[in-house]
C-alpha atoms as a PDB file:
ATOM      1  CA  MET A   1       0.000   0.000   0.000  1.00  0.00           C
ATOM      2  CA  LEU A   2       1.133   3.472  -0.801  1.00  0.00           C
ATOM      3  CA  ALA A   3      -0.221   6.665   0.665  1.00  0.00           C
ATOM      4  CA  ARG A   4      -0.701  10.101  -0.831  1.00  0.00           C
ATOM      5  CA  GLN A   5      -1.830  13.318   0.766  1.00  0.00           C
ATOM      6  CA  ARG A   6      -5.415  14.565   0.458  1.00  0.00           C
ATOM      7  CA  GLY A   7      -5.361  17.948   2.088  1.00  0.00           C
ATOM      8  CA  SER A   8      -4.008  17.204   5.536  1.00  0.00           C
ATOM      9  CA  GLU A   9      -5.107  13.554   5.412  1.00  0.00           C
ATOM     10  CA  GLN A  10      -3.497  10.538   3.809  1.00  0.00           C
ATOM     11  CA  VAL A  11      -5.231   8.529   1.117  1.00  0.00           C
ATOM     12  CA  PHE A  12      -4.105   4.927   1.051  1.00  0.00           C
ATOM     13  CA  ARG A  13      -3.640   3.376  -2.347  1.00  0.00           C
ATOM     14  CA  ILE A  14      -4.268  -0.347  -2.488  1.00  0.00           C
ATOM     15  CA  LEU A  15      -3.763  -2.979  -5.139  1.00  0.00           C
ATOM     16  CA  ILE A  16      -6.156  -5.920  -5.065  1.00  0.00           C
ATOM     17  CA  ASP A  17      -5.250  -8.946  -7.170  1.00  0.00           C
ATOM     18  CA  THR A  18      -7.759 -10.484  -9.574  1.00  0.00           C
ATOM     19  CA  CYS A  19      -8.166 -13.640  -7.486  1.00  0.00           C
ATOM     20  CA  VAL A  20      -9.175 -11.521  -4.477  1.00  0.00           C
ATOM     21  CA  TRP A  21     -11.749  -9.647  -6.572  1.00  0.00           C
ATOM     22  CA  PHE A  22     -13.173 -13.020  -7.624  1.00  0.00           C
ATOM     23  CA  ASP A  23     -13.249 -14.258  -4.025  1.00  0.00           C
ATOM     24  CA  LEU A  24     -15.205 -11.132  -3.088  1.00  0.00           C
ATOM     25  CA  ALA A  25     -17.616 -11.690  -5.980  1.00  0.00           C
ATOM     26  CA  LYS A  26     -18.161 -15.419  -5.347  1.00  0.00           C
ATOM     27  CA  ASP A  27     -18.940 -15.247  -1.655  1.00  0.00           C
ATOM     28  CA  TYR A  28     -22.306 -13.676  -0.849  1.00  0.00           C
ATOM     29  CA  GLN A  29     -21.082 -12.940   2.673  1.00  0.00           C
ATOM     30  CA  GLN A  30     -18.395 -10.616   1.291  1.00  0.00           C
ATOM     31  CA  ARG A  31     -20.905  -8.075  -0.040  1.00  0.00           C
ATOM     32  CA  ALA A  32     -20.289  -5.892   3.031  1.00  0.00           C
ATOM     33  CA  ILE A  33     -16.603  -5.651   2.110  1.00  0.00           C
ATOM     34  CA  LEU A  34     -17.507  -4.579  -1.428  1.00  0.00           C
ATOM     35  CA  ALA A  35     -19.897  -1.970  -0.037  1.00  0.00           C
ATOM     36  CA  ALA A  36     -17.201  -0.688   2.327  1.00  0.00           C
ATOM     37  CA  LEU A  37     -14.660  -0.481  -0.508  1.00  0.00           C
ATOM     38  CA  LYS A  38     -17.139   1.486  -2.598  1.00  0.00           C
ATOM     39  CA  GLU A  39     -17.742   3.966   0.224  1.00  0.00           C
ATOM     40  CA  LEU A  40     -14.040   4.339   1.027  1.00  0.00           C
ATOM     41  CA  VAL A  41     -13.299   5.057  -2.634  1.00  0.00           C
ATOM     42  CA  ARG A  42     -16.258   7.442  -2.891  1.00  0.00           C
ATOM     43  CA  HIS A  43     -15.076   9.395   0.159  1.00  0.00           C
ATOM     44  CA  GLN A  44     -11.499   9.347  -1.171  1.00  0.00           C
ATOM     45  CA  GLU A  45     -10.198   7.610   1.924  1.00  0.00           C
ATOM     46  CA  ILE A  46      -8.616   4.954  -0.277  1.00  0.00           C
ATOM     47  CA  ALA A  47      -7.678   4.846  -3.935  1.00  0.00           C
ATOM     48  CA  LEU A  48      -7.420   1.663  -5.919  1.00  0.00           C
ATOM     49  CA  ILE A  49      -4.383   0.822  -8.000  1.00  0.00           C
ATOM     50  CA  LEU A  50      -5.884  -0.960 -10.981  1.00  0.00           C
ATOM     51  CA  PRO A  51      -3.517  -2.502 -13.532  1.00  0.00           C
ATOM     52  CA  CYS A  52      -5.017  -3.277 -16.933  1.00  0.00           C
ATOM     53  CA  THR A  53      -4.127  -6.965 -16.428  1.00  0.00           C
ATOM     54  CA  VAL A  54      -6.527  -7.143 -13.463  1.00  0.00           C
ATOM     55  CA  VAL A  55      -9.336  -5.592 -15.526  1.00  0.00           C
ATOM     56  CA  ASP A  56      -8.627  -7.933 -18.460  1.00  0.00           C
ATOM     57  CA  GLU A  57      -8.455 -11.082 -16.302  1.00  0.00           C
ATOM     58  CA  PHE A  58     -11.627 -10.134 -14.456  1.00  0.00           C
ATOM     59  CA  SER A  59     -13.493  -9.454 -17.690  1.00  0.00           C
ATOM     60  CA  ARG A  60     -12.306 -12.722 -19.248  1.00  0.00           C
ATOM     61  CA  ASN A  61     -13.299 -14.912 -16.299  1.00  0.00           C
ATOM     62  CA  LYS A  62     -16.337 -13.266 -14.711  1.00  0.00           C
ATOM     63  CA  ALA A  63     -18.938 -15.454 -16.474  1.00  0.00           C
ATOM     64  CA  ARG A  64     -17.137 -18.606 -15.358  1.00  0.00           C
ATOM     65  CA  VAL A  65     -16.978 -17.374 -11.767  1.00  0.00           C
ATOM     66  CA  ILE A  66     -20.714 -16.591 -11.721  1.00  0.00           C
ATOM     67  CA  GLU A  67     -21.489 -20.045 -13.111  1.00  0.00           C
ATOM     68  CA  GLU A  68     -19.144 -21.801 -10.675  1.00  0.00           C
ATOM     69  CA  SER A  69     -20.653 -19.932  -7.756  1.00  0.00           C
ATOM     70  CA  GLY A  70     -24.062 -21.472  -8.362  1.00  0.00           C
ATOM     71  CA  ARG A  71     -22.663 -24.861  -9.370  1.00  0.00           C
ATOM     72  CA  SER A  72     -20.479 -25.320  -6.287  1.00  0.00           C
ATOM     73  CA  LEU A  73     -23.424 -24.611  -4.010  1.00  0.00           C
ATOM     74  CA  SER A  74     -25.600 -26.988  -6.007  1.00  0.00           C
ATOM     75  CA  ASP A  75     -22.954 -29.736  -5.777  1.00  0.00           C
ATOM     76  CA  ALA A  76     -22.626 -29.277  -2.009  1.00  0.00           C
ATOM     77  CA  LEU A  77     -26.394 -29.451  -1.640  1.00  0.00           C
ATOM     78  CA  LYS A  78     -26.541 -32.642  -3.702  1.00  0.00           C
ATOM     79  CA  ARG A  79     -23.900 -34.252  -1.467  1.00  0.00           C
ATOM     80  CA  ALA A  80     -25.863 -33.194   1.621  1.00  0.00           C
ATOM     81  CA  LYS A  81     -29.068 -34.713   0.224  1.00  0.00           C
ATOM     82  CA  ASP A  82     -27.246 -37.958  -0.583  1.00  0.00           C
ATOM     83  CA  ALA A  83     -25.826 -38.117   2.949  1.00  0.00           C
ATOM     84  CA  VAL A  84     -29.242 -37.484   4.517  1.00  0.00           C
ATOM     85  CA  GLU A  85     -30.823 -40.086   2.243  1.00  0.00           C
ATOM     86  CA  ARG A  86     -28.247 -42.741   3.178  1.00  0.00           C
ATOM     87  CA  LEU A  87     -27.498 -41.903   6.801  1.00  0.00           C
ATOM     88  CA  GLY A  88     -30.264 -39.660   8.096  1.00  0.00           C
ATOM     89  CA  ASP A  89     -32.635 -40.437  10.929  1.00  0.00           C
ATOM     90  CA  PRO A  90     -35.690 -42.041   9.275  1.00  0.00           C
ATOM     91  CA  ARG A  91     -38.009 -39.922  11.461  1.00  0.00           C
ATOM     92  CA  GLN A  92     -36.369 -36.647  10.380  1.00  0.00           C
ATOM     93  CA  LYS A  93     -35.296 -37.542   6.850  1.00  0.00           C
ATOM     94  CA  SER A  94     -38.335 -36.219   4.964  1.00  0.00           C
ATOM     95  CA  LYS A  95     -38.315 -32.930   6.886  1.00  0.00           C
ATOM     96  CA  VAL A  96     -34.595 -32.371   6.251  1.00  0.00           C
ATOM     97  CA  LEU A  97     -34.860 -33.309   2.570  1.00  0.00           C
ATOM     98  CA  ARG A  98     -37.838 -30.969   2.156  1.00  0.00           C
ATOM     99  CA  GLU A  99     -35.795 -28.088   3.589  1.00  0.00           C
ATOM    100  CA  LEU A 100     -32.792 -28.943   1.394  1.00  0.00           C
ATOM    101  CA  ASN A 101     -35.105 -28.939  -1.631  1.00  0.00           C
ATOM    102  CA  ASN A 102     -36.355 -25.478  -0.625  1.00  0.00           C
ATOM    103  CA  VAL A 103     -32.763 -24.260  -0.543  1.00  0.00           C
ATOM    104  CA  ASP A 104     -32.127 -25.952  -3.894  1.00  0.00           C
ATOM    105  CA  HIS A 105     -34.876 -23.855  -5.480  1.00  0.00           C
ATOM    106  CA  ARG A 106     -33.209 -20.659  -4.245  1.00  0.00           C
ATOM    107  CA  ILE A 107     -29.808 -21.422  -5.803  1.00  0.00           C
ATOM    108  CA  PRO A 108     -30.512 -19.379  -8.962  1.00  0.00           C
ATOM    109  CA  THR A 109     -31.107 -16.377  -6.692  1.00  0.00           C
ATOM    110  CA  LEU A 110     -27.736 -16.957  -5.067  1.00  0.00           C
ATOM    111  CA  GLY A 111     -26.121 -17.166  -8.516  1.00  0.00           C
ATOM    112  CA  GLY A 112     -27.740 -13.808  -9.162  1.00  0.00           C
ATOM    113  CA  ALA A 113     -25.999 -12.521  -6.041  1.00  0.00           C
ATOM    114  CA  ALA A 114     -22.647 -13.428  -7.608  1.00  0.00           C
ATOM    115  CA  ALA A 115     -23.642 -11.589 -10.785  1.00  0.00           C
ATOM    116  CA  ASP A 116     -24.630  -8.580  -8.670  1.00  0.00           C
ATOM    117  CA  ALA A 117     -21.268  -8.685  -6.883  1.00  0.00           C
ATOM    118  CA  VAL A 118     -19.457  -8.849 -10.232  1.00  0.00           C
ATOM    119  CA  GLY A 119     -21.409  -5.735 -11.218  1.00  0.00           C
ATOM    120  CA  ARG A 120     -20.280  -4.000  -8.028  1.00  0.00           C
ATOM    121  CA  VAL A 121     -16.656  -4.857  -8.768  1.00  0.00           C
ATOM    122  CA  GLU A 122     -17.030  -3.551 -12.306  1.00  0.00           C
ATOM    123  CA  ASP A 123     -18.575  -0.359 -10.917  1.00  0.00           C
ATOM    124  CA  LEU A 124     -15.491   0.118  -8.740  1.00  0.00           C
ATOM    125  CA  PHE A 125     -13.299  -0.521 -11.775  1.00  0.00           C
ATOM    126  CA  ALA A 126     -15.246   2.096 -13.761  1.00  0.00           C
ATOM    127  CA  ARG A 127     -14.518   4.698 -11.067  1.00  0.00           C
ATOM    128  CA  THR A 128     -10.795   3.933 -11.047  1.00  0.00           C
ATOM    129  CA  SER A 129      -8.071   4.940 -13.469  1.00  0.00           C
ATOM    130  CA  VAL A 130      -6.560   1.895 -15.123  1.00  0.00           C
ATOM    131  CA  ILE A 131      -2.777   1.867 -15.317  1.00  0.00           C
ATOM    132  CA  GLU A 132      -0.732   0.236 -18.025  1.00  0.00           C
ATOM    133  CA  ILE A 133       1.934  -2.189 -16.906  1.00  0.00           C
ATOM    134  CA  SER A 134       5.280  -1.935 -18.626  1.00  0.00           C
END
């Protein structure tokens, strides 16, 4: 991190690697971090260092990350259903499977959350000057 002066205050400049941007986009629980980054940039408390390679890599791989986000949750849910089916308490099995099926129907919404997070990252990119790497 580098710092520069903004009046009498310092503005910290941070570089975030592409894989970190993708981790933020994939995990629904990280939306608060994205919101905080947006506010810190908006209030000029931090400035992003954004190499063109990060923008290019993000653009190239964002669709895959959105797809994988929904797929990995779906795969985990399928494994959970299989485990309940094979090993679950017979008295509780139908109730648990019913709840897992309810979650399964909401997976497309969660995939939409990843797409929304990708949009938030791209919004941050749009507000940041891209630097060429030599």
